[in-house]
Amino acid sequence: MSTLPPCPQCQSVYTYVNGPGMVCPECGHEWSAQSEVETVEAVRVVRDAVGNVLQDGDSVTVIKDLKVKGSTLVVKVGTKVKNIRLCEGEHDIDCRIDGVGAMGLKSEFVKRV
């Protein structure tokens, strides 16, 4: 028995083939079976404060004083952060800052070097 893809609109697993297309009986959505093959996942692009595209391993500079949550430490303007890692979530950069340690940063507060 072949497994059919779930409905792209409501994620129902009860889809079926109807002629050249596919149908979801729960929400009534109809789509082409060919579009399922051609669909390419959108690549998430992370940009810094001035619009430069960031990638894993880039070096960035902090453009605003940032308070470290749960601590009295502050990451000062101009602090250089090397070898960043992009991740999912509200804080899209994982990094290690000298004197502070590992932390997450938002891309809107950094500029690529």
PDB file of N, CA and C in Angstrom:
ATOM      1  N   MET A   1       0.838  -1.171   0.000  1.00  0.00           N
ATOM      2  CA  MET A   1       0.000   0.000   0.000  1.00  0.00           C
ATOM      3  C   MET A   1       0.890   1.244   0.000  1.00  0.00           C
ATOM      4  N   SER A   2       0.669   2.152  -0.932  1.00  0.00           N
ATOM      5  CA  SER A   2       1.484   3.365  -1.003  1.00  0.00           C
ATOM      6  C   SER A   2       0.939   4.406  -0.027  1.00  0.00           C
ATOM      7  N   THR A   3       1.829   5.205   0.487  1.00  0.00           N
ATOM      8  CA  THR A   3       1.407   6.265   1.397  1.00  0.00           C
ATOM      9  C   THR A   3       1.290   7.556   0.617  1.00  0.00           C
ATOM     10  N   LEU A   4       0.191   8.237   0.805  1.00  0.00           N
ATOM     11  CA  LEU A   4      -0.054   9.504   0.135  1.00  0.00           C
ATOM     12  C   LEU A   4       0.372  10.640   1.062  1.00  0.00           C
ATOM     13  N   PRO A   5       0.807  11.762   0.486  1.00  0.00           N
ATOM     14  CA  PRO A   5       1.223  12.891   1.326  1.00  0.00           C
ATOM     15  C   PRO A   5       0.028  13.503   2.046  1.00  0.00           C
ATOM     16  N   PRO A   6       0.253  14.113   3.203  1.00  0.00           N
ATOM     17  CA  PRO A   6      -0.852  14.768   3.907  1.00  0.00           C
ATOM     18  C   PRO A   6      -1.302  16.026   3.179  1.00  0.00           C
ATOM     19  N   CYS A   7      -2.477  16.504   3.528  1.00  0.00           N
ATOM     20  CA  CYS A   7      -3.025  17.719   2.931  1.00  0.00           C
ATOM     21  C   CYS A   7      -2.120  18.903   3.265  1.00  0.00           C
ATOM     22  N   PRO A   8      -1.713  19.702   2.261  1.00  0.00           N
ATOM     23  CA  PRO A   8      -0.852  20.848   2.539  1.00  0.00           C
ATOM     24  C   PRO A   8      -1.559  21.973   3.298  1.00  0.00           C
ATOM     25  N   GLN A   9      -2.890  21.933   3.344  1.00  0.00           N
ATOM     26  CA  GLN A   9      -3.628  22.997   4.006  1.00  0.00           C
ATOM     27  C   GLN A   9      -3.945  22.665   5.466  1.00  0.00           C
ATOM     28  N   CYS A  10      -4.438  21.444   5.733  1.00  0.00           N
ATOM     29  CA  CYS A  10      -4.839  21.105   7.100  1.00  0.00           C
ATOM     30  C   CYS A  10      -4.026  19.945   7.692  1.00  0.00           C
ATOM     31  N   GLN A  11      -3.087  19.395   6.933  1.00  0.00           N
ATOM     32  CA  GLN A  11      -2.207  18.294   7.357  1.00  0.00           C
ATOM     33  C   GLN A  11      -2.954  16.991   7.664  1.00  0.00           C
ATOM     34  N   SER A  12      -4.153  16.829   7.130  1.00  0.00           N
ATOM     35  CA  SER A  12      -4.908  15.594   7.309  1.00  0.00           C
ATOM     36  C   SER A  12      -4.235  14.454   6.554  1.00  0.00           C
ATOM     37  N   VAL A  13      -4.232  13.276   7.156  1.00  0.00           N
ATOM     38  CA  VAL A  13      -3.606  12.111   6.523  1.00  0.00           C
ATOM     39  C   VAL A  13      -4.598  11.329   5.666  1.00  0.00           C
ATOM     40  N   TYR A  14      -5.856  11.742   5.629  1.00  0.00           N
ATOM     41  CA  TYR A  14      -6.891  11.019   4.895  1.00  0.00           C
ATOM     42  C   TYR A  14      -7.068  11.535   3.475  1.00  0.00           C
ATOM     43  N   THR A  15      -5.985  11.764   2.755  1.00  0.00           N
ATOM     44  CA  THR A  15      -6.059  12.259   1.383  1.00  0.00           C
ATOM     45  C   THR A  15      -6.269  11.096   0.421  1.00  0.00           C
ATOM     46  N   TYR A  16      -6.791  11.412  -0.756  1.00  0.00           N
ATOM     47  CA  TYR A  16      -6.961  10.389  -1.784  1.00  0.00           C
ATOM     48  C   TYR A  16      -6.770  10.998  -3.162  1.00  0.00           C
ATOM     49  N   VAL A  17      -6.485  10.124  -4.144  1.00  0.00           N
ATOM     50  CA  VAL A  17      -6.259  10.539  -5.521  1.00  0.00           C
ATOM     51  C   VAL A  17      -7.596  10.614  -6.228  1.00  0.00           C
ATOM     52  N   ASN A  18      -7.819  11.709  -6.969  1.00  0.00           N
ATOM     53  CA  ASN A  18      -9.037  11.886  -7.737  1.00  0.00           C
ATOM     54  C   ASN A  18      -8.634  12.378  -9.117  1.00  0.00           C
ATOM     55  N   GLY A  19      -8.471  11.449 -10.054  1.00  0.00           N
ATOM     56  CA  GLY A  19      -8.038  11.808 -11.402  1.00  0.00           C
ATOM     57  C   GLY A  19      -6.585  12.259 -11.374  1.00  0.00           C
ATOM     58  N   PRO A  20      -6.281  13.419 -11.967  1.00  0.00           N
ATOM     59  CA  PRO A  20      -4.890  13.890 -11.993  1.00  0.00           C
ATOM     60  C   PRO A  20      -4.463  14.589 -10.693  1.00  0.00           C
ATOM     61  N   GLY A  21      -5.389  14.846  -9.809  1.00  0.00           N
ATOM     62  CA  GLY A  21      -5.063  15.584  -8.587  1.00  0.00           C
ATOM     63  C   GLY A  21      -5.322  14.785  -7.329  1.00  0.00           C
ATOM     64  N   MET A  22      -5.181  15.457  -6.209  1.00  0.00           N
ATOM     65  CA  MET A  22      -5.427  14.853  -4.907  1.00  0.00           C
ATOM     66  C   MET A  22      -6.456  15.700  -4.167  1.00  0.00           C
ATOM     67  N   VAL A  23      -7.195  15.063  -3.244  1.00  0.00           N
ATOM     68  CA  VAL A  23      -8.274  15.730  -2.528  1.00  0.00           C
ATOM     69  C   VAL A  23      -8.181  15.395  -1.047  1.00  0.00           C
ATOM     70  N   CYS A  24      -8.510  16.376  -0.212  1.00  0.00           N
ATOM     71  CA  CYS A  24      -8.604  16.166   1.229  1.00  0.00           C
ATOM     72  C   CYS A  24     -10.082  16.137   1.593  1.00  0.00           C
ATOM     73  N   PRO A  25     -10.595  15.026   2.159  1.00  0.00           N
ATOM     74  CA  PRO A  25     -12.016  14.958   2.490  1.00  0.00           C
ATOM     75  C   PRO A  25     -12.389  15.803   3.718  1.00  0.00           C
ATOM     76  N   GLU A  26     -11.431  16.177   4.523  1.00  0.00           N
ATOM     77  CA  GLU A  26     -11.745  16.937   5.740  1.00  0.00           C
ATOM     78  C   GLU A  26     -11.940  18.423   5.469  1.00  0.00           C
ATOM     79  N   CYS A  27     -11.042  19.029   4.657  1.00  0.00           N
ATOM     80  CA  CYS A  27     -11.173  20.469   4.412  1.00  0.00           C
ATOM     81  C   CYS A  27     -11.612  20.775   2.980  1.00  0.00           C
ATOM     82  N   GLY A  28     -11.615  19.767   2.098  1.00  0.00           N
ATOM     83  CA  GLY A  28     -12.050  19.964   0.723  1.00  0.00           C
ATOM     84  C   GLY A  28     -10.990  20.545  -0.192  1.00  0.00           C
ATOM     85  N   HIS A  29      -9.768  20.677   0.281  1.00  0.00           N
ATOM     86  CA  HIS A  29      -8.688  21.247  -0.526  1.00  0.00           C
ATOM     87  C   HIS A  29      -8.299  20.280  -1.640  1.00  0.00           C
ATOM     88  N   GLU A  30      -8.111  20.808  -2.849  1.00  0.00           N
ATOM     89  CA  GLU A  30      -7.668  20.008  -3.986  1.00  0.00           C
ATOM     90  C   GLU A  30      -6.349  20.581  -4.497  1.00  0.00           C
ATOM     91  N   TRP A  31      -5.419  19.696  -4.853  1.00  0.00           N
ATOM     92  CA  TRP A  31      -4.132  20.131  -5.384  1.00  0.00           C
ATOM     93  C   TRP A  31      -3.615  19.109  -6.365  1.00  0.00           C
ATOM     94  N   SER A  32      -2.664  19.533  -7.176  1.00  0.00           N
ATOM     95  CA  SER A  32      -2.096  18.682  -8.201  1.00  0.00           C
ATOM     96  C   SER A  32      -1.071  17.740  -7.587  1.00  0.00           C
ATOM     97  N   ALA A  33      -1.081  16.496  -8.003  1.00  0.00           N
ATOM     98  CA  ALA A  33      -0.098  15.533  -7.514  1.00  0.00           C
ATOM     99  C   ALA A  33       1.294  15.898  -8.022  1.00  0.00           C
ATOM    100  N   GLN A  34       1.393  16.549  -9.172  1.00  0.00           N
ATOM    101  CA  GLN A  34       2.676  16.984  -9.714  1.00  0.00           C
ATOM    102  C   GLN A  34       3.296  18.076  -8.855  1.00  0.00           C
ATOM    103  N   SER A  35       2.484  18.957  -8.305  1.00  0.00           N
ATOM    104  CA  SER A  35       3.026  20.049  -7.490  1.00  0.00           C
ATOM    105  C   SER A  35       3.685  19.503  -6.225  1.00  0.00           C
ATOM    106  N   GLU A  36       3.252  18.354  -5.767  1.00  0.00           N
ATOM    107  CA  GLU A  36       3.845  17.710  -4.601  1.00  0.00           C
ATOM    108  C   GLU A  36       5.295  17.350  -4.893  1.00  0.00           C
ATOM    109  N   VAL A  37       5.570  16.883  -6.104  1.00  0.00           N
ATOM    110  CA  VAL A  37       6.921  16.496  -6.483  1.00  0.00           C
ATOM    111  C   VAL A  37       7.800  17.729  -6.693  1.00  0.00           C
ATOM    112  N   GLU A  38       7.227  18.787  -7.252  1.00  0.00           N
ATOM    113  CA  GLU A  38       7.992  19.973  -7.598  1.00  0.00           C
ATOM    114  C   GLU A  38       8.221  20.922  -6.431  1.00  0.00           C
ATOM    115  N   THR A  39       7.517  20.722  -5.326  1.00  0.00           N
ATOM    116  CA  THR A  39       7.642  21.623  -4.187  1.00  0.00           C
ATOM    117  C   THR A  39       9.035  21.515  -3.587  1.00  0.00           C
ATOM    118  N   VAL A  40       9.677  22.667  -3.443  1.00  0.00           N
ATOM    119  CA  VAL A  40      11.000  22.739  -2.835  1.00  0.00           C
ATOM    120  C   VAL A  40      10.860  23.548  -1.553  1.00  0.00           C
ATOM    121  N   GLU A  41      11.432  23.039  -0.475  1.00  0.00           N
ATOM    122  CA  GLU A  41      11.337  23.756   0.785  1.00  0.00           C
ATOM    123  C   GLU A  41      12.027  25.107   0.669  1.00  0.00           C
ATOM    124  N   ALA A  42      11.402  26.111   1.222  1.00  0.00           N
ATOM    125  CA  ALA A  42      11.986  27.448   1.210  1.00  0.00           C
ATOM    126  C   ALA A  42      13.156  27.477   2.181  1.00  0.00           C
ATOM    127  N   VAL A  43      14.261  28.021   1.709  1.00  0.00           N
ATOM    128  CA  VAL A  43      15.446  28.128   2.538  1.00  0.00           C
ATOM    129  C   VAL A  43      15.324  29.401   3.366  1.00  0.00           C
ATOM    130  N   ARG A  44      15.505  29.258   4.656  1.00  0.00           N
ATOM    131  CA  ARG A  44      15.394  30.394   5.559  1.00  0.00           C
ATOM    132  C   ARG A  44      16.649  31.251   5.425  1.00  0.00           C
ATOM    133  N   VAL A  45      16.453  32.530   5.171  1.00  0.00           N
ATOM    134  CA  VAL A  45      17.562  33.452   5.020  1.00  0.00           C
ATOM    135  C   VAL A  45      17.585  34.356   6.247  1.00  0.00           C
ATOM    136  N   VAL A  46      18.734  34.394   6.924  1.00  0.00           N
ATOM    137  CA  VAL A  46      18.898  35.246   8.096  1.00  0.00           C
ATOM    138  C   VAL A  46      19.739  36.442   7.672  1.00  0.00           C
ATOM    139  N   ARG A  47      19.241  37.645   7.958  1.00  0.00           N
ATOM    140  CA  ARG A  47      19.940  38.872   7.579  1.00  0.00           C
ATOM    141  C   ARG A  47      20.300  39.666   8.835  1.00  0.00           C
ATOM    142  N   ASP A  48      21.415  40.395   8.745  1.00  0.00           N
ATOM    143  CA  ASP A  48      21.831  41.226   9.872  1.00  0.00           C
ATOM    144  C   ASP A  48      21.077  42.559   9.849  1.00  0.00           C
ATOM    145  N   ALA A  49      21.466  43.490  10.696  1.00  0.00           N
ATOM    146  CA  ALA A  49      20.760  44.767  10.843  1.00  0.00           C
ATOM    147  C   ALA A  49      20.777  45.620   9.578  1.00  0.00           C
ATOM    148  N   VAL A  50      21.785  45.460   8.731  1.00  0.00           N
ATOM    149  CA  VAL A  50      21.870  46.271   7.513  1.00  0.00           C
ATOM    150  C   VAL A  50      21.485  45.492   6.253  1.00  0.00           C
ATOM    151  N   GLY A  51      21.030  44.254   6.408  1.00  0.00           N
ATOM    152  CA  GLY A  51      20.535  43.493   5.271  1.00  0.00           C
ATOM    153  C   GLY A  51      21.486  42.492   4.671  1.00  0.00           C
ATOM    154  N   ASN A  52      22.687  42.332   5.222  1.00  0.00           N
ATOM    155  CA  ASN A  52      23.621  41.328   4.706  1.00  0.00           C
ATOM    156  C   ASN A  52      23.159  39.930   5.114  1.00  0.00           C
ATOM    157  N   VAL A  53      23.313  38.975   4.228  1.00  0.00           N
ATOM    158  CA  VAL A  53      22.937  37.597   4.519  1.00  0.00           C
ATOM    159  C   VAL A  53      23.990  36.967   5.416  1.00  0.00           C
ATOM    160  N   LEU A  54      23.545  36.337   6.510  1.00  0.00           N
ATOM    161  CA  LEU A  54      24.454  35.675   7.440  1.00  0.00           C
ATOM    162  C   LEU A  54      24.509  34.190   7.156  1.00  0.00           C
ATOM    163  N   GLN A  55      25.684  33.586   7.392  1.00  0.00           N
ATOM    164  CA  GLN A  55      25.880  32.151   7.219  1.00  0.00           C
ATOM    165  C   GLN A  55      26.624  31.604   8.427  1.00  0.00           C
ATOM    166  N   ASP A  56      26.556  30.288   8.619  1.00  0.00           N
ATOM    167  CA  ASP A  56      27.316  29.651   9.690  1.00  0.00           C
ATOM    168  C   ASP A  56      28.793  29.965   9.512  1.00  0.00           C
ATOM    169  N   GLY A  57      29.475  30.277  10.628  1.00  0.00           N
ATOM    170  CA  GLY A  57      30.901  30.542  10.595  1.00  0.00           C
ATOM    171  C   GLY A  57      31.273  31.998  10.383  1.00  0.00           C
ATOM    172  N   ASP A  58      30.297  32.863  10.106  1.00  0.00           N
ATOM    173  CA  ASP A  58      30.582  34.290   9.917  1.00  0.00           C
ATOM    174  C   ASP A  58      31.025  34.926  11.227  1.00  0.00           C
ATOM    175  N   SER A  59      31.661  36.078  11.122  1.00  0.00           N
ATOM    176  CA  SER A  59      31.983  36.913  12.273  1.00  0.00           C
ATOM    177  C   SER A  59      31.084  38.130  12.212  1.00  0.00           C
ATOM    178  N   VAL A  60      30.562  38.542  13.375  1.00  0.00           N
ATOM    179  CA  VAL A  60      29.666  39.689  13.435  1.00  0.00           C
ATOM    180  C   VAL A  60      30.097  40.619  14.558  1.00  0.00           C
ATOM    181  N   THR A  61      29.591  41.844  14.506  1.00  0.00           N
ATOM    182  CA  THR A  61      29.828  42.842  15.532  1.00  0.00           C
ATOM    183  C   THR A  61      28.488  43.267  16.110  1.00  0.00           C
ATOM    184  N   VAL A  62      28.416  43.383  17.429  1.00  0.00           N
ATOM    185  CA  VAL A  62      27.196  43.820  18.106  1.00  0.00           C
ATOM    186  C   VAL A  62      27.030  45.325  17.891  1.00  0.00           C
ATOM    187  N   ILE A  63      25.812  45.767  17.525  1.00  0.00           N
ATOM    188  CA  ILE A  63      25.578  47.178  17.216  1.00  0.00           C
ATOM    189  C   ILE A  63      24.805  47.912  18.310  1.00  0.00           C
ATOM    190  N   LYS A  64      24.511  47.236  19.428  1.00  0.00           N
ATOM    191  CA  LYS A  64      23.733  47.841  20.494  1.00  0.00           C
ATOM    192  C   LYS A  64      24.141  47.181  21.806  1.00  0.00           C
ATOM    193  N   ASP A  65      24.192  47.940  22.902  1.00  0.00           N
ATOM    194  CA  ASP A  65      24.441  47.331  24.204  1.00  0.00           C
ATOM    195  C   ASP A  65      23.314  46.353  24.516  1.00  0.00           C
ATOM    196  N   LEU A  66      23.682  45.125  24.872  1.00  0.00           N
ATOM    197  CA  LEU A  66      22.699  44.085  25.145  1.00  0.00           C
ATOM    198  C   LEU A  66      22.867  43.577  26.568  1.00  0.00           C
ATOM    199  N   LYS A  67      21.809  43.652  27.367  1.00  0.00           N
ATOM    200  CA  LYS A  67      21.835  43.106  28.719  1.00  0.00           C
ATOM    201  C   LYS A  67      21.698  41.595  28.620  1.00  0.00           C
ATOM    202  N   VAL A  68      22.486  40.884  29.431  1.00  0.00           N
ATOM    203  CA  VAL A  68      22.413  39.430  29.457  1.00  0.00           C
ATOM    204  C   VAL A  68      21.362  39.047  30.475  1.00  0.00           C
ATOM    205  N   LYS A  69      20.338  38.350  30.026  1.00  0.00           N
ATOM    206  CA  LYS A  69      19.220  37.987  30.882  1.00  0.00           C
ATOM    207  C   LYS A  69      19.692  37.101  32.035  1.00  0.00           C
ATOM    208  N   GLY A  70      19.267  37.435  33.254  1.00  0.00           N
ATOM    209  CA  GLY A  70      19.626  36.646  34.423  1.00  0.00           C
ATOM    210  C   GLY A  70      21.003  36.951  34.967  1.00  0.00           C
ATOM    211  N   SER A  71      21.602  38.041  34.517  1.00  0.00           N
ATOM    212  CA  SER A  71      22.951  38.402  34.930  1.00  0.00           C
ATOM    213  C   SER A  71      23.090  39.917  34.926  1.00  0.00           C
ATOM    214  N   THR A  72      24.154  40.401  35.540  1.00  0.00           N
ATOM    215  CA  THR A  72      24.427  41.837  35.514  1.00  0.00           C
ATOM    216  C   THR A  72      25.358  42.210  34.372  1.00  0.00           C
ATOM    217  N   LEU A  73      25.761  41.224  33.574  1.00  0.00           N
ATOM    218  CA  LEU A  73      26.672  41.466  32.462  1.00  0.00           C
ATOM    219  C   LEU A  73      25.979  42.211  31.331  1.00  0.00           C
ATOM    220  N   VAL A  74      26.765  42.964  30.569  1.00  0.00           N
ATOM    221  CA  VAL A  74      26.272  43.673  29.390  1.00  0.00           C
ATOM    222  C   VAL A  74      27.245  43.397  28.251  1.00  0.00           C
ATOM    223  N   VAL A  75      26.719  43.038  27.095  1.00  0.00           N
ATOM    224  CA  VAL A  75      27.534  42.893  25.887  1.00  0.00           C
ATOM    225  C   VAL A  75      27.562  44.269  25.238  1.00  0.00           C
ATOM    226  N   LYS A  76      28.748  44.866  25.176  1.00  0.00           N
ATOM    227  CA  LYS A  76      28.908  46.250  24.720  1.00  0.00           C
ATOM    228  C   LYS A  76      28.879  46.368  23.197  1.00  0.00           C
ATOM    229  N   VAL A  77      28.550  47.568  22.729  1.00  0.00           N
ATOM    230  CA  VAL A  77      28.588  47.890  21.303  1.00  0.00           C
ATOM    231  C   VAL A  77      30.011  47.652  20.801  1.00  0.00           C
ATOM    232  N   GLY A  78      30.132  47.050  19.630  1.00  0.00           N
ATOM    233  CA  GLY A  78      31.446  46.818  19.032  1.00  0.00           C
ATOM    234  C   GLY A  78      32.062  45.486  19.393  1.00  0.00           C
ATOM    235  N   THR A  79      31.409  44.711  20.266  1.00  0.00           N
ATOM    236  CA  THR A  79      31.935  43.394  20.620  1.00  0.00           C
ATOM    237  C   THR A  79      31.917  42.505  19.387  1.00  0.00           C
ATOM    238  N   LYS A  80      33.070  41.908  19.059  1.00  0.00           N
ATOM    239  CA  LYS A  80      33.173  41.045  17.891  1.00  0.00           C
ATOM    240  C   LYS A  80      32.889  39.608  18.313  1.00  0.00           C
ATOM    241  N   VAL A  81      32.026  38.946  17.561  1.00  0.00           N
ATOM    242  CA  VAL A  81      31.652  37.556  17.818  1.00  0.00           C
ATOM    243  C   VAL A  81      32.074  36.739  16.613  1.00  0.00           C
ATOM    244  N   LYS A  82      32.916  35.732  16.846  1.00  0.00           N
ATOM    245  CA  LYS A  82      33.431  34.899  15.753  1.00  0.00           C
ATOM    246  C   LYS A  82      32.693  33.572  15.694  1.00  0.00           C
ATOM    247  N   ASN A  83      32.671  32.999  14.509  1.00  0.00           N
ATOM    248  CA  ASN A  83      32.164  31.644  14.278  1.00  0.00           C
ATOM    249  C   ASN A  83      30.736  31.445  14.802  1.00  0.00           C
ATOM    250  N   ILE A  84      29.783  32.209  14.263  1.00  0.00           N
ATOM    251  CA  ILE A  84      28.393  32.083  14.680  1.00  0.00           C
ATOM    252  C   ILE A  84      27.757  30.837  14.067  1.00  0.00           C
ATOM    253  N   ARG A  85      26.682  30.369  14.679  1.00  0.00           N
ATOM    254  CA  ARG A  85      25.886  29.262  14.166  1.00  0.00           C
ATOM    255  C   ARG A  85      24.446  29.742  14.057  1.00  0.00           C
ATOM    256  N   LEU A  86      23.825  29.556  12.911  1.00  0.00           N
ATOM    257  CA  LEU A  86      22.433  29.949  12.726  1.00  0.00           C
ATOM    258  C   LEU A  86      21.525  28.855  13.257  1.00  0.00           C
ATOM    259  N   CYS A  87      20.419  29.240  13.871  1.00  0.00           N
ATOM    260  CA  CYS A  87      19.485  28.268  14.432  1.00  0.00           C
ATOM    261  C   CYS A  87      18.059  28.783  14.250  1.00  0.00           C
ATOM    262  N   GLU A  88      17.104  27.960  14.551  1.00  0.00           N
ATOM    263  CA  GLU A  88      15.691  28.319  14.464  1.00  0.00           C
ATOM    264  C   GLU A  88      15.261  28.970  15.770  1.00  0.00           C
ATOM    265  N   GLY A  89      14.255  29.795  15.698  1.00  0.00           N
ATOM    266  CA  GLY A  89      13.710  30.390  16.899  1.00  0.00           C
ATOM    267  C   GLY A  89      13.820  31.900  16.895  1.00  0.00           C
ATOM    268  N   GLU A  90      13.420  32.501  18.016  1.00  0.00           N
ATOM    269  CA  GLU A  90      13.439  33.948  18.142  1.00  0.00           C
ATOM    270  C   GLU A  90      14.866  34.497  18.099  1.00  0.00           C
ATOM    271  N   HIS A  91      15.780  33.817  18.782  1.00  0.00           N
ATOM    272  CA  HIS A  91      17.193  34.183  18.743  1.00  0.00           C
ATOM    273  C   HIS A  91      17.831  33.308  17.672  1.00  0.00           C
ATOM    274  N   ASP A  92      18.122  33.886  16.510  1.00  0.00           N
ATOM    275  CA  ASP A  92      18.556  33.064  15.385  1.00  0.00           C
ATOM    276  C   ASP A  92      20.052  32.855  15.280  1.00  0.00           C
ATOM    277  N   ILE A  93      20.830  33.307  16.258  1.00  0.00           N
ATOM    278  CA  ILE A  93      22.278  33.107  16.240  1.00  0.00           C
ATOM    279  C   ILE A  93      22.718  32.496  17.566  1.00  0.00           C
ATOM    280  N   ASP A  94      23.414  31.373  17.503  1.00  0.00           N
ATOM    281  CA  ASP A  94      24.077  30.786  18.670  1.00  0.00           C
ATOM    282  C   ASP A  94      25.543  31.143  18.567  1.00  0.00           C
ATOM    283  N   CYS A  95      26.138  31.560  19.693  1.00  0.00           N
ATOM    284  CA  CYS A  95      27.538  31.963  19.646  1.00  0.00           C
ATOM    285  C   CYS A  95      28.159  31.853  21.030  1.00  0.00           C
ATOM    286  N   ARG A  96      29.467  32.066  21.079  1.00  0.00           N
ATOM    287  CA  ARG A  96      30.202  32.129  22.330  1.00  0.00           C
ATOM    288  C   ARG A  96      30.920  33.470  22.353  1.00  0.00           C
ATOM    289  N   ILE A  97      30.658  34.257  23.405  1.00  0.00           N
ATOM    290  CA  ILE A  97      31.261  35.584  23.536  1.00  0.00           C
ATOM    291  C   ILE A  97      32.276  35.527  24.674  1.00  0.00           C
ATOM    292  N   ASP A  98      33.492  36.009  24.405  1.00  0.00           N
ATOM    293  CA  ASP A  98      34.540  36.033  25.422  1.00  0.00           C
ATOM    294  C   ASP A  98      34.076  36.842  26.631  1.00  0.00           C
ATOM    295  N   GLY A  99      34.233  36.278  27.827  1.00  0.00           N
ATOM    296  CA  GLY A  99      33.846  36.952  29.055  1.00  0.00           C
ATOM    297  C   GLY A  99      32.399  36.768  29.434  1.00  0.00           C
ATOM    298  N   VAL A 100      31.575  36.278  28.514  1.00  0.00           N
ATOM    299  CA  VAL A 100      30.151  36.085  28.792  1.00  0.00           C
ATOM    300  C   VAL A 100      29.796  34.606  28.705  1.00  0.00           C
ATOM    301  N   GLY A 101      30.250  33.940  27.657  1.00  0.00           N
ATOM    302  CA  GLY A 101      29.953  32.527  27.463  1.00  0.00           C
ATOM    303  C   GLY A 101      29.007  32.307  26.300  1.00  0.00           C
ATOM    304  N   ALA A 102      28.396  31.134  26.270  1.00  0.00           N
ATOM    305  CA  ALA A 102      27.483  30.777  25.191  1.00  0.00           C
ATOM    306  C   ALA A 102      26.166  31.519  25.362  1.00  0.00           C
ATOM    307  N   MET A 103      25.642  32.024  24.260  1.00  0.00           N
ATOM    308  CA  MET A 103      24.367  32.724  24.315  1.00  0.00           C
ATOM    309  C   MET A 103      23.728  32.795  22.942  1.00  0.00           C
ATOM    310  N   GLY A 104      22.469  33.182  22.907  1.00  0.00           N
ATOM    311  CA  GLY A 104      21.735  33.373  21.668  1.00  0.00           C
ATOM    312  C   GLY A 104      21.560  34.857  21.397  1.00  0.00           C
ATOM    313  N   LEU A 105      21.707  35.259  20.146  1.00  0.00           N
ATOM    314  CA  LEU A 105      21.540  36.650  19.742  1.00  0.00           C
ATOM    315  C   LEU A 105      20.470  36.753  18.665  1.00  0.00           C
ATOM    316  N   LYS A 106      19.838  37.892  18.598  1.00  0.00           N
ATOM    317  CA  LYS A 106      18.916  38.169  17.495  1.00  0.00           C
ATOM    318  C   LYS A 106      19.729  38.826  16.383  1.00  0.00           C
ATOM    319  N   SER A 107      19.454  38.445  15.157  1.00  0.00           N
ATOM    320  CA  SER A 107      20.203  38.961  14.024  1.00  0.00           C
ATOM    321  C   SER A 107      20.025  40.453  13.824  1.00  0.00           C
ATOM    322  N   GLU A 108      18.963  41.036  14.345  1.00  0.00           N
ATOM    323  CA  GLU A 108      18.722  42.466  14.172  1.00  0.00           C
ATOM    324  C   GLU A 108      19.672  43.334  14.992  1.00  0.00           C
ATOM    325  N   PHE A 109      20.437  42.728  15.915  1.00  0.00           N
ATOM    326  CA  PHE A 109      21.363  43.480  16.749  1.00  0.00           C
ATOM    327  C   PHE A 109      22.825  43.251  16.390  1.00  0.00           C
ATOM    328  N   VAL A 110      23.085  42.666  15.222  1.00  0.00           N
ATOM    329  CA  VAL A 110      24.463  42.421  14.804  1.00  0.00           C
ATOM    330  C   VAL A 110      24.680  42.902  13.379  1.00  0.00           C
ATOM    331  N   LYS A 111      25.952  43.105  13.033  1.00  0.00           N
ATOM    332  CA  LYS A 111      26.338  43.479  11.671  1.00  0.00           C
ATOM    333  C   LYS A 111      27.505  42.588  11.260  1.00  0.00           C
ATOM    334  N   ARG A 112      27.426  42.030  10.057  1.00  0.00           N
ATOM    335  CA  ARG A 112      28.493  41.148   9.570  1.00  0.00           C
ATOM    336  C   ARG A 112      29.774  41.940   9.372  1.00  0.00           C
ATOM    337  N   VAL A 113      30.893  41.332   9.740  1.00  0.00           N
ATOM    338  CA  VAL A 113      32.205  41.981   9.599  1.00  0.00           C
ATOM    339  C   VAL A 113      32.760  41.708   8.222  1.00  0.00           C
TER     340      VAL A 113
END
